[in-house]
Amino acid sequence: MPAPTEFLEYVDRNASGFINRLKEAVEIKSVSSDVSRRPDVIKMGEWLEKQLQALGVTTKQVDLGKHEMSGHTLQLPPAILGKIGEDKSKKTVLIYGHYDVQPAKLSDGWNQEPFEFVEKDGLLLGRGSTDDKGPIMGWINVLEAHQKLGKPLPVNLKFVFEGMEEYGSEGLDELVIREAQPGGWIHGVDCVCISDNYWLNTRTPALTYGLRGIDYYGITITGPGQDLHSGLFGRTVHEPMTDLIKLMGSLVDVNGGIKVPGVEELVPPPTEEELQLYHKMDYETADIEAAAGGPVALSQNKIDVLMGRMRYPSLSLHGIEGAFSDPGAKTVIPAKVTGKFSIRLVPPQTPAQVEPLVRAYVEQQFAALNSRNKMTFGSLHSGSPWVADINHWNFRAAHKAVKAVWGIDPDYTREGGSIPVTLTFAESLGVNVLLLPMGRADDGAHSTNEKLDRSNYIEGTKMLGAYLYEVAAESSA
């Protein structure tokens, strides 16, 4: 059942108002990993709840408690639950999104202040524009269109919006599991739709049926009682930074291969059916090099690159705390340094399987250094991978919606990123989960100059609405 013409026309007529709504959202500095910005994250949750309430959504703000971060005890941002429609003859769709964003500063290399929304050359620029405020605003736009047109929604909707996705979704799994029980806020939904990822390229819409999980680790090396002068202590003591660099360098090779024994071996080879999906994708190595901003692909074979992103694990080194990083030529020997790295997991890997392998390897490598420093290793946060059935009616509905709005068939992709709650929804609710992306591969989520194409925001709003009509029309068989 295609979306009504009056809905599509309303979206076009009200595009400027929808963009202003996104502007308001982007300019709230809801950085969940920054202690000083926690009030802004809470402010963003309250702003979002008011938007929903104004459009007829019944809401519930859930206190997720407190947590420790950077030596501070902080209130977790609230989860915002919502529901509209209780027609038992209609399907019920659960929508998930997150209202927190990654850190951003002008000095990172932005062309503008990252929390000042700018519309320029067909782009909507600002931190959170594509990840994940644009998609959330798309759903609100759909609600507005139906309210103003006096049209009932074709399905019942429930919402789960959180403010800690960029910092491990603390408290969310427990909430979802609890509210999925009989009598809970999200019990009895028929499917889940998440718009928190991106097309594989800049040309072809996508439906995503898999996500990599994550295990995020820290290695801390300590030794001296304080920072030391390298001219006085160089070559006289075991230096923590030297040990850490050796350990970090032992984890992964220059071609991306994980050197921790047993991690890669957990993953079976692809089936012929799966390989055909990669062959069909509208993708070239030039796409990943364009998105990366340089000719740095590990292979010129698109299948190798796609499987490296989607169906094999990866290990990435992220940074070192406690090391000298300011401009200049400081000659300190740091007394304590912590290296951060993560492994993106794929089915059938789980954090419980992988963490002991990594721990044993790191301890073995440190012992081989014969250093008198001390090493501690720990998992900072983790999430399991997820894969869904692409033949389910939820995916059929999304395919039809994409084709109706964009005029082409979507790619079916597995995404390299992680949204840990996806698997929690699937397992707790026992329903199909779909990722329906709004943005393009070059949007720069988590990077500088994050953007969402104006066309993706407006046509994406139409697509989200069309998806609801196609869900209503699909047989549940």
Protein backbone atom coordinates (compact mmCIF):
# COMPACT_ATOMS: atom_id res chain seq x y z
CA MET A 1 0.00 0.00 0.00
CA PRO A 2 1.83 3.14 -1.16
CA ALA A 3 1.98 6.25 1.00
CA PRO A 4 -0.85 8.69 0.25
CA THR A 5 -0.06 11.54 -2.12
CA GLU A 6 -1.18 14.14 0.42
CA PHE A 7 1.45 12.86 2.89
CA LEU A 8 4.23 13.12 0.31
CA GLU A 9 3.09 16.60 -0.74
CA TYR A 10 2.92 17.75 2.89
CA VAL A 11 6.57 16.75 3.38
CA ASP A 12 7.64 18.80 0.34
CA ARG A 13 5.59 21.85 1.41
CA ASN A 14 6.95 21.81 4.94
CA ALA A 15 10.60 21.03 4.22
CA SER A 16 11.79 24.37 5.65
CA GLY A 17 10.00 23.75 8.94
CA PHE A 18 11.45 20.25 9.14
CA ILE A 19 14.95 21.64 8.60
CA ASN A 20 14.38 24.19 11.37
CA ARG A 21 13.41 21.33 13.67
CA LEU A 22 16.71 19.60 12.90
CA LYS A 23 18.54 22.88 13.49
CA GLU A 24 17.09 23.14 16.99
CA ALA A 25 18.12 19.57 17.76
CA VAL A 26 21.67 19.89 16.42
CA GLU A 27 22.34 23.05 18.41
CA ILE A 28 21.75 21.24 21.71
CA LYS A 29 25.23 19.98 22.60
CA SER A 30 24.19 16.53 23.78
CA VAL A 31 27.66 14.92 24.05
CA SER A 32 27.22 11.88 26.30
CA SER A 33 30.95 11.23 26.82
CA ASP A 34 31.68 14.74 28.14
CA VAL A 35 31.09 15.29 31.87
CA SER A 36 30.48 19.01 31.34
CA ARG A 37 27.80 18.33 28.70
CA ARG A 38 25.64 15.95 30.72
CA PRO A 39 23.07 18.72 31.45
CA ASP A 40 22.82 19.30 27.68
CA VAL A 41 22.13 15.60 27.05
CA ILE A 42 19.34 15.68 29.62
CA LYS A 43 18.05 18.93 28.04
CA MET A 44 17.96 17.18 24.65
CA GLY A 45 15.92 14.31 26.07
CA GLU A 46 13.41 16.74 27.56
CA TRP A 47 13.22 18.68 24.27
CA LEU A 48 12.57 15.46 22.37
CA GLU A 49 9.85 14.37 24.78
CA LYS A 50 8.04 17.70 24.31
CA GLN A 51 8.20 17.28 20.53
CA LEU A 52 6.56 13.87 20.82
CA GLN A 53 3.91 15.03 23.27
CA ALA A 54 2.94 17.95 21.00
CA LEU A 55 2.16 15.43 18.26
CA GLY A 56 -0.11 13.22 20.32
CA VAL A 57 2.42 10.69 21.60
CA THR A 58 1.96 9.40 25.13
CA THR A 59 5.42 9.42 26.75
CA LYS A 60 7.21 8.08 29.78
CA GLN A 61 10.57 9.37 30.94
CA VAL A 62 12.57 6.57 32.57
CA ASP A 63 15.29 7.29 35.13
CA LEU A 64 18.18 4.94 34.34
CA GLY A 65 20.07 5.79 37.52
CA LYS A 66 23.63 7.05 37.97
CA HIS A 67 27.04 5.95 36.74
CA GLU A 68 30.74 6.72 37.17
CA MET A 69 32.60 8.56 34.41
CA SER A 70 36.03 10.24 34.57
CA GLY A 71 35.96 10.30 38.36
CA HIS A 72 32.46 11.79 38.57
CA THR A 73 29.14 10.28 39.62
CA LEU A 74 26.64 11.40 37.00
CA GLN A 75 22.92 11.06 36.39
CA LEU A 76 22.31 8.96 33.29
CA PRO A 77 20.19 10.73 30.65
CA PRO A 78 16.59 9.49 30.69
CA ALA A 79 15.22 6.98 28.25
CA ILE A 80 12.21 8.49 26.48
CA LEU A 81 9.48 5.93 25.80
CA GLY A 82 6.49 6.79 23.64
CA LYS A 83 3.41 5.24 22.11
CA ILE A 84 0.65 6.36 19.77
CA GLY A 85 -2.24 4.20 18.57
CA GLU A 86 -3.74 1.11 20.21
CA ASP A 87 -5.76 -0.33 17.34
CA LYS A 88 -5.57 -4.10 17.74
CA SER A 89 -6.35 -4.56 14.04
CA LYS A 90 -3.07 -2.79 13.13
CA LYS A 91 0.53 -3.91 13.42
CA THR A 92 2.68 -2.21 16.04
CA VAL A 93 6.14 -0.97 15.02
CA LEU A 94 8.83 -0.11 17.57
CA ILE A 95 11.15 2.75 16.63
CA TYR A 96 14.58 3.18 18.25
CA GLY A 97 16.99 6.11 18.08
CA HIS A 98 19.53 7.97 20.21
CA TYR A 99 19.64 11.67 20.97
CA ASP A 100 23.26 11.90 22.17
CA VAL A 101 26.18 12.71 19.87
CA GLN A 102 29.93 12.35 19.57
CA PRO A 103 32.28 15.08 20.85
CA ALA A 104 33.22 17.83 18.39
CA LYS A 105 35.38 20.98 18.45
CA LEU A 106 36.24 23.53 15.80
CA SER A 107 39.92 22.71 16.36
CA ASP A 108 39.30 19.12 15.24
CA GLY A 109 39.22 20.43 11.67
CA TRP A 110 35.60 21.54 11.25
CA ASN A 111 34.84 24.27 8.71
CA GLN A 112 32.32 25.75 11.15
CA GLU A 113 31.45 25.55 14.82
CA PRO A 114 30.17 21.94 14.99
CA PHE A 115 27.10 22.81 17.06
CA GLU A 116 26.06 25.69 14.83
CA PHE A 117 23.71 24.22 12.23
CA VAL A 118 24.45 25.36 8.66
CA GLU A 119 22.54 24.64 5.44
CA LYS A 120 24.91 25.00 2.49
CA ASP A 121 25.05 23.62 -1.05
CA GLY A 122 22.30 21.09 -0.38
CA LEU A 123 23.92 19.84 2.83
CA LEU A 124 22.68 20.07 6.42
CA LEU A 125 25.85 20.48 8.49
CA GLY A 126 26.39 20.02 12.21
CA ARG A 127 27.26 17.42 14.81
CA GLY A 128 24.45 14.88 15.06
CA SER A 129 22.82 15.87 11.77
CA THR A 130 23.04 12.30 10.47
CA ASP A 131 23.93 10.42 13.69
CA ASP A 132 21.22 10.25 14.90
CA LYS A 133 19.20 13.45 15.14
CA GLY A 134 18.26 13.62 11.46
CA PRO A 135 16.57 10.21 11.46
CA ILE A 136 14.79 10.91 14.76
CA MET A 137 13.51 14.20 13.37
CA GLY A 138 12.36 12.25 10.29
CA TRP A 139 10.04 10.17 12.47
CA ILE A 140 8.75 13.30 14.19
CA ASN A 141 8.13 14.85 10.76
CA VAL A 142 6.02 11.81 9.84
CA LEU A 143 3.98 12.27 13.01
CA GLU A 144 3.48 15.96 12.30
CA ALA A 145 2.31 15.33 8.74
CA HIS A 146 -0.35 12.89 9.88
CA GLN A 147 -1.53 15.13 12.72
CA LYS A 148 -1.82 18.23 10.52
CA LEU A 149 -3.53 16.30 7.72
CA GLY A 150 -5.94 14.69 10.18
CA LYS A 151 -4.90 11.24 8.92
CA PRO A 152 -4.61 8.24 11.25
CA LEU A 153 -1.28 6.44 11.17
CA PRO A 154 -1.42 3.13 9.27
CA VAL A 155 0.19 1.31 12.22
CA ASN A 156 0.54 1.71 15.96
CA LEU A 157 3.92 3.14 16.97
CA LYS A 158 6.08 2.75 20.02
CA PHE A 159 9.35 4.60 20.61
CA VAL A 160 12.52 4.01 22.60
CA PHE A 161 14.94 6.94 22.49
CA GLU A 162 18.11 6.97 24.60
CA GLY A 163 20.90 9.43 25.41
CA MET A 164 23.93 7.18 25.96
CA GLU A 165 24.41 5.26 22.70
CA GLU A 166 27.72 6.98 22.00
CA TYR A 167 28.98 5.87 25.41
CA GLY A 168 27.88 2.24 25.54
CA SER A 169 24.09 2.58 26.06
CA GLU A 170 24.48 2.23 29.82
CA GLY A 171 21.27 1.09 31.46
CA LEU A 172 19.40 0.49 28.22
CA ASP A 173 19.61 -3.30 27.93
CA GLU A 174 18.06 -3.75 31.37
CA LEU A 175 15.26 -1.33 30.45
CA VAL A 176 14.49 -3.11 27.17
CA ILE A 177 14.47 -6.54 28.80
CA ARG A 178 12.17 -5.29 31.55
CA GLU A 179 9.76 -3.42 29.28
CA ALA A 180 9.56 -6.34 26.85
CA GLN A 181 7.90 -8.49 29.51
CA PRO A 182 4.07 -8.87 29.56
CA GLY A 183 2.61 -5.60 30.76
CA GLY A 184 5.76 -3.71 29.76
CA TRP A 185 5.78 -0.60 27.60
CA ILE A 186 7.13 -2.35 24.46
CA HIS A 187 5.61 -5.79 24.94
CA GLY A 188 3.66 -7.12 21.96
CA VAL A 189 5.27 -5.15 19.12
CA ASP A 190 5.36 -6.84 15.71
CA CYS A 191 8.72 -5.57 14.44
CA VAL A 192 11.49 -3.06 15.13
CA CYS A 193 12.90 -0.35 12.86
CA ILE A 194 16.17 1.47 13.58
CA SER A 195 17.54 4.33 11.49
CA ASP A 196 21.06 4.77 12.85
CA ASN A 197 23.31 3.78 9.98
CA TYR A 198 24.08 4.72 6.38
CA TRP A 199 23.99 3.72 2.74
CA LEU A 200 26.98 1.76 1.52
CA ASN A 201 27.80 4.53 -0.98
CA THR A 202 26.40 7.89 -2.07
CA ARG A 203 24.10 6.48 -4.79
CA THR A 204 22.09 3.50 -3.60
CA PRO A 205 19.71 3.23 -0.63
CA ALA A 206 20.29 0.24 1.61
CA LEU A 207 18.54 -2.12 3.98
CA THR A 208 20.82 -3.43 6.70
CA TYR A 209 20.41 -6.90 8.15
CA GLY A 210 23.56 -7.28 10.22
CA LEU A 211 25.84 -5.37 12.57
CA ARG A 212 29.23 -6.11 14.01
CA GLY A 213 29.49 -6.20 17.78
CA ILE A 214 32.30 -4.63 19.78
CA ASP A 215 34.73 -5.37 22.58
CA TYR A 216 36.51 -2.19 23.72
CA TYR A 217 39.68 -2.67 25.77
CA GLY A 218 42.24 -0.71 27.76
CA ILE A 219 45.86 -1.62 28.53
CA THR A 220 47.46 0.42 31.33
CA ILE A 221 51.21 0.41 32.03
CA THR A 222 52.59 1.94 35.24
CA GLY A 223 56.06 2.01 36.75
CA PRO A 224 57.74 5.24 37.92
CA GLY A 225 56.15 7.12 40.80
CA GLN A 226 55.86 10.28 38.68
CA ASP A 227 56.64 11.59 35.20
CA LEU A 228 60.39 11.62 34.57
CA HIS A 229 62.90 13.76 32.63
CA SER A 230 64.17 11.72 29.70
CA GLY A 231 67.61 13.31 29.89
CA LEU A 232 68.03 12.15 33.48
CA PHE A 233 66.22 8.81 33.31
CA GLY A 234 66.33 7.71 29.66
CA ARG A 235 67.99 4.29 29.35
CA THR A 236 68.05 3.90 33.12
CA VAL A 237 64.44 2.74 33.76
CA HIS A 238 61.74 0.67 32.10
CA GLU A 239 59.53 3.20 30.34
CA PRO A 240 55.75 2.60 30.34
CA MET A 241 55.28 4.15 26.89
CA THR A 242 57.84 1.81 25.32
CA ASP A 243 56.08 -1.22 26.79
CA LEU A 244 52.68 0.00 25.66
CA ILE A 245 53.79 0.68 22.08
CA LYS A 246 55.22 -2.84 21.89
CA LEU A 247 51.95 -4.33 23.13
CA MET A 248 49.73 -2.23 20.89
CA GLY A 249 51.89 -3.06 17.88
CA SER A 250 51.57 -6.78 18.58
CA LEU A 251 47.78 -6.84 18.21
CA VAL A 252 47.19 -6.26 14.48
CA ASP A 253 49.24 -6.36 11.27
CA VAL A 254 49.43 -3.65 8.60
CA ASN A 255 46.84 -5.46 6.46
CA GLY A 256 44.25 -5.55 9.23
CA GLY A 257 44.86 -9.16 10.27
CA ILE A 258 44.17 -9.80 13.96
CA LYS A 259 47.26 -11.37 15.55
CA VAL A 260 45.48 -12.65 18.66
CA PRO A 261 45.33 -16.45 18.21
CA GLY A 262 41.85 -17.93 17.94
CA VAL A 263 39.88 -14.74 17.24
CA GLU A 264 39.72 -15.03 13.44
CA GLU A 265 39.28 -18.80 13.64
CA LEU A 266 35.90 -18.39 15.37
CA VAL A 267 34.36 -17.15 12.10
CA PRO A 268 33.29 -19.68 9.42
CA PRO A 269 33.89 -18.93 5.72
CA PRO A 270 31.05 -17.37 3.70
CA THR A 271 28.50 -19.50 1.88
CA GLU A 272 28.01 -19.17 -1.87
CA GLU A 273 24.60 -17.53 -1.25
CA GLU A 274 26.24 -14.91 0.94
CA LEU A 275 28.98 -14.24 -1.59
CA GLN A 276 26.34 -13.48 -4.21
CA LEU A 277 24.97 -10.66 -2.03
CA TYR A 278 28.38 -8.99 -2.05
CA HIS A 279 28.72 -9.41 -5.82
CA LYS A 280 25.36 -7.67 -6.37
CA MET A 281 26.15 -4.62 -4.25
CA ASP A 282 26.60 -1.29 -5.99
CA TYR A 283 30.09 -0.72 -4.64
CA GLU A 284 33.68 -0.15 -5.71
CA THR A 285 36.89 0.33 -3.74
CA ALA A 286 36.74 3.94 -4.91
CA ASP A 287 33.68 4.36 -2.65
CA ILE A 288 35.53 3.49 0.52
CA GLU A 289 38.51 5.59 -0.54
CA ALA A 290 36.23 8.55 -1.19
CA ALA A 291 34.63 8.12 2.23
CA ALA A 292 38.06 7.71 3.87
CA GLY A 293 39.43 10.76 2.05
CA GLY A 294 42.45 8.99 0.56
CA PRO A 295 43.62 6.02 -1.55
CA VAL A 296 44.12 3.72 1.43
CA ALA A 297 41.91 0.65 0.76
CA LEU A 298 43.51 -2.61 1.86
CA SER A 299 42.48 -4.25 -1.42
CA GLN A 300 41.32 -3.28 -4.89
CA ASN A 301 38.93 -6.25 -4.88
CA LYS A 302 35.48 -4.99 -3.84
CA ILE A 303 34.47 -8.37 -2.37
CA ASP A 304 37.50 -8.38 -0.06
CA VAL A 305 36.75 -4.82 1.07
CA LEU A 306 33.06 -5.51 1.62
CA MET A 307 33.69 -8.66 3.64
CA GLY A 308 36.36 -6.83 5.61
CA ARG A 309 33.74 -4.28 6.60
CA MET A 310 30.76 -6.56 7.10
CA ARG A 311 31.49 -10.19 7.84
CA TYR A 312 35.00 -10.38 9.31
CA PRO A 313 36.19 -9.03 12.66
CA SER A 314 38.54 -6.05 12.79
CA LEU A 315 40.93 -4.69 15.39
CA SER A 316 41.61 -0.94 15.57
CA LEU A 317 43.97 1.08 17.77
CA HIS A 318 42.27 4.24 19.06
CA GLY A 319 44.62 6.23 21.23
CA ILE A 320 46.86 6.59 24.27
CA GLU A 321 45.92 8.42 27.46
CA GLY A 322 48.66 9.96 29.57
CA ALA A 323 51.01 10.52 26.64
CA PHE A 324 52.35 13.92 25.58
CA SER A 325 50.13 15.22 22.78
CA ASP A 326 50.42 19.03 22.79
CA PRO A 327 52.39 20.92 20.11
CA GLY A 328 56.06 21.30 20.92
CA ALA A 329 58.90 19.05 21.99
CA LYS A 330 58.28 18.03 25.58
CA THR A 331 60.78 15.41 26.76
CA VAL A 332 58.80 13.71 29.51
CA ILE A 333 58.76 9.99 30.25
CA PRO A 334 55.12 9.44 31.31
CA ALA A 335 54.67 7.42 34.49
CA LYS A 336 51.32 5.96 33.45
CA VAL A 337 49.85 5.39 30.01
CA THR A 338 46.68 3.65 28.84
CA GLY A 339 46.19 2.36 25.32
CA LYS A 340 42.65 1.95 23.94
CA PHE A 341 41.69 -0.51 21.21
CA SER A 342 38.63 -2.41 20.09
CA ILE A 343 37.65 -5.51 18.17
CA ARG A 344 34.53 -5.40 16.01
CA LEU A 345 32.90 -8.79 16.38
CA VAL A 346 30.87 -10.79 13.85
CA PRO A 347 28.57 -13.81 14.27
CA PRO A 348 29.06 -16.27 15.83
CA GLN A 349 31.63 -14.44 17.98
CA THR A 350 30.58 -13.13 21.39
CA PRO A 351 32.41 -10.88 23.87
CA ALA A 352 32.49 -13.80 26.33
CA GLN A 353 34.41 -15.90 23.78
CA VAL A 354 36.82 -13.23 22.58
CA GLU A 355 37.80 -11.37 25.77
CA PRO A 356 39.67 -14.34 27.38
CA LEU A 357 41.64 -14.86 24.15
CA VAL A 358 42.71 -11.22 24.06
CA ARG A 359 43.54 -11.11 27.76
CA ALA A 360 45.72 -14.23 27.57
CA TYR A 361 47.55 -12.90 24.52
CA VAL A 362 48.23 -9.46 26.03
CA GLU A 363 49.47 -11.01 29.27
CA GLN A 364 51.73 -13.36 27.30
CA GLN A 365 53.14 -10.53 25.19
CA PHE A 366 53.79 -8.37 28.26
CA ALA A 367 55.55 -11.21 30.07
CA ALA A 368 57.84 -11.62 27.04
CA LEU A 369 59.03 -8.00 27.45
CA ASN A 370 60.63 -8.85 30.81
CA SER A 371 59.66 -5.39 31.99
CA ARG A 372 59.61 -4.35 35.65
CA ASN A 373 56.61 -2.13 34.99
CA LYS A 374 53.11 -3.29 35.85
CA MET A 375 50.34 -3.97 33.34
CA THR A 376 46.58 -4.08 33.83
CA PHE A 377 44.13 -5.09 31.11
CA GLY A 378 40.36 -4.74 31.00
CA SER A 379 37.27 -4.68 28.78
CA LEU A 380 35.69 -1.22 29.00
CA HIS A 381 32.42 -2.08 27.26
CA SER A 382 31.09 -4.65 24.82
CA GLY A 383 28.18 -5.59 22.60
CA SER A 384 27.33 -8.69 20.58
CA PRO A 385 26.87 -8.83 16.78
CA TRP A 386 23.49 -9.31 15.12
CA VAL A 387 22.08 -10.75 11.87
CA ALA A 388 18.41 -10.75 10.73
CA ASP A 389 16.29 -12.64 8.19
CA ILE A 390 16.05 -10.54 5.01
CA ASN A 391 13.08 -12.58 3.75
CA HIS A 392 10.84 -11.37 6.59
CA TRP A 393 7.80 -9.16 5.79
CA ASN A 394 9.49 -6.28 7.64
CA PHE A 395 12.25 -6.23 5.00
CA ARG A 396 9.76 -6.70 2.16
CA ALA A 397 7.88 -3.61 3.35
CA ALA A 398 11.08 -1.56 3.60
CA HIS A 399 12.17 -2.68 0.13
CA LYS A 400 8.89 -1.48 -1.37
CA ALA A 401 9.13 1.85 0.47
CA VAL A 402 12.67 2.47 -0.78
CA LYS A 403 11.68 1.59 -4.34
CA ALA A 404 8.61 3.87 -4.16
CA VAL A 405 10.52 6.93 -2.90
CA TRP A 406 13.95 6.54 -4.49
CA GLY A 407 12.98 4.65 -7.63
CA ILE A 408 15.59 1.91 -7.28
CA ASP A 409 16.03 -1.36 -5.42
CA PRO A 410 18.11 -1.15 -2.23
CA ASP A 411 21.36 -2.92 -1.49
CA TYR A 412 21.20 -5.47 1.34
CA THR A 413 24.10 -4.79 3.64
CA ARG A 414 25.70 -5.82 6.87
CA GLU A 415 27.13 -2.82 8.67
CA GLY A 416 30.58 -2.54 10.19
CA GLY A 417 29.43 -0.45 13.13
CA SER A 418 27.79 -1.56 16.35
CA ILE A 419 24.40 -0.79 17.90
CA PRO A 420 24.43 -3.21 20.85
CA VAL A 421 20.75 -2.78 21.71
CA THR A 422 19.76 -4.21 18.30
CA LEU A 423 20.42 -7.76 19.47
CA THR A 424 18.70 -7.01 22.79
CA PHE A 425 15.55 -5.97 20.93
CA ALA A 426 15.66 -9.08 18.74
CA GLU A 427 16.17 -11.50 21.62
CA SER A 428 13.88 -9.81 24.18
CA LEU A 429 10.96 -9.20 21.83
CA GLY A 430 11.36 -12.21 19.55
CA VAL A 431 10.62 -10.11 16.44
CA ASN A 432 12.41 -9.09 13.26
CA VAL A 433 14.66 -6.03 13.51
CA LEU A 434 15.38 -3.86 10.46
CA LEU A 435 17.93 -1.10 9.96
CA LEU A 436 16.55 1.49 7.54
CA PRO A 437 19.23 4.14 6.95
CA MET A 438 18.53 7.73 6.00
CA GLY A 439 22.05 9.04 5.37
CA ARG A 440 24.82 8.41 2.86
CA ALA A 441 28.23 6.80 3.25
CA ASP A 442 30.04 10.14 3.12
CA ASP A 443 28.05 11.81 5.93
CA GLY A 444 31.03 11.83 8.28
CA ALA A 445 29.31 10.49 11.38
CA HIS A 446 31.84 10.56 14.27
CA SER A 447 34.09 12.71 12.07
CA THR A 448 34.60 16.36 11.17
CA ASN A 449 32.06 18.31 9.11
CA GLU A 450 29.27 15.82 9.73
CA LYS A 451 26.39 16.38 7.31
CA LEU A 452 23.12 15.01 6.06
CA ASP A 453 22.12 15.74 2.48
CA ARG A 454 18.95 17.82 2.34
CA SER A 455 17.53 15.36 -0.17
CA ASN A 456 18.20 12.44 2.16
CA TYR A 457 16.46 14.22 5.02
CA ILE A 458 13.36 15.18 3.06
CA GLU A 459 13.09 12.07 0.86
CA GLY A 460 14.13 10.03 3.90
CA THR A 461 11.14 11.41 5.82
CA LYS A 462 8.92 10.26 2.94
CA MET A 463 10.61 6.85 3.01
CA LEU A 464 9.98 6.39 6.74
CA GLY A 465 6.33 7.26 6.25
CA ALA A 466 6.04 5.00 3.20
CA TYR A 467 7.60 2.16 5.18
CA LEU A 468 4.77 2.36 7.74
CA TYR A 469 2.15 2.07 4.98
CA GLU A 470 3.94 -0.91 3.42
CA VAL A 471 4.19 -2.61 6.84
CA ALA A 472 0.43 -2.18 7.24
CA ALA A 473 -0.16 -3.83 3.86
CA GLU A 474 2.19 -6.80 4.34
CA SER A 475 0.91 -10.20 5.34
CA SER A 476 2.38 -11.41 8.62
CA ALA A 477 2.75 -14.91 7.21
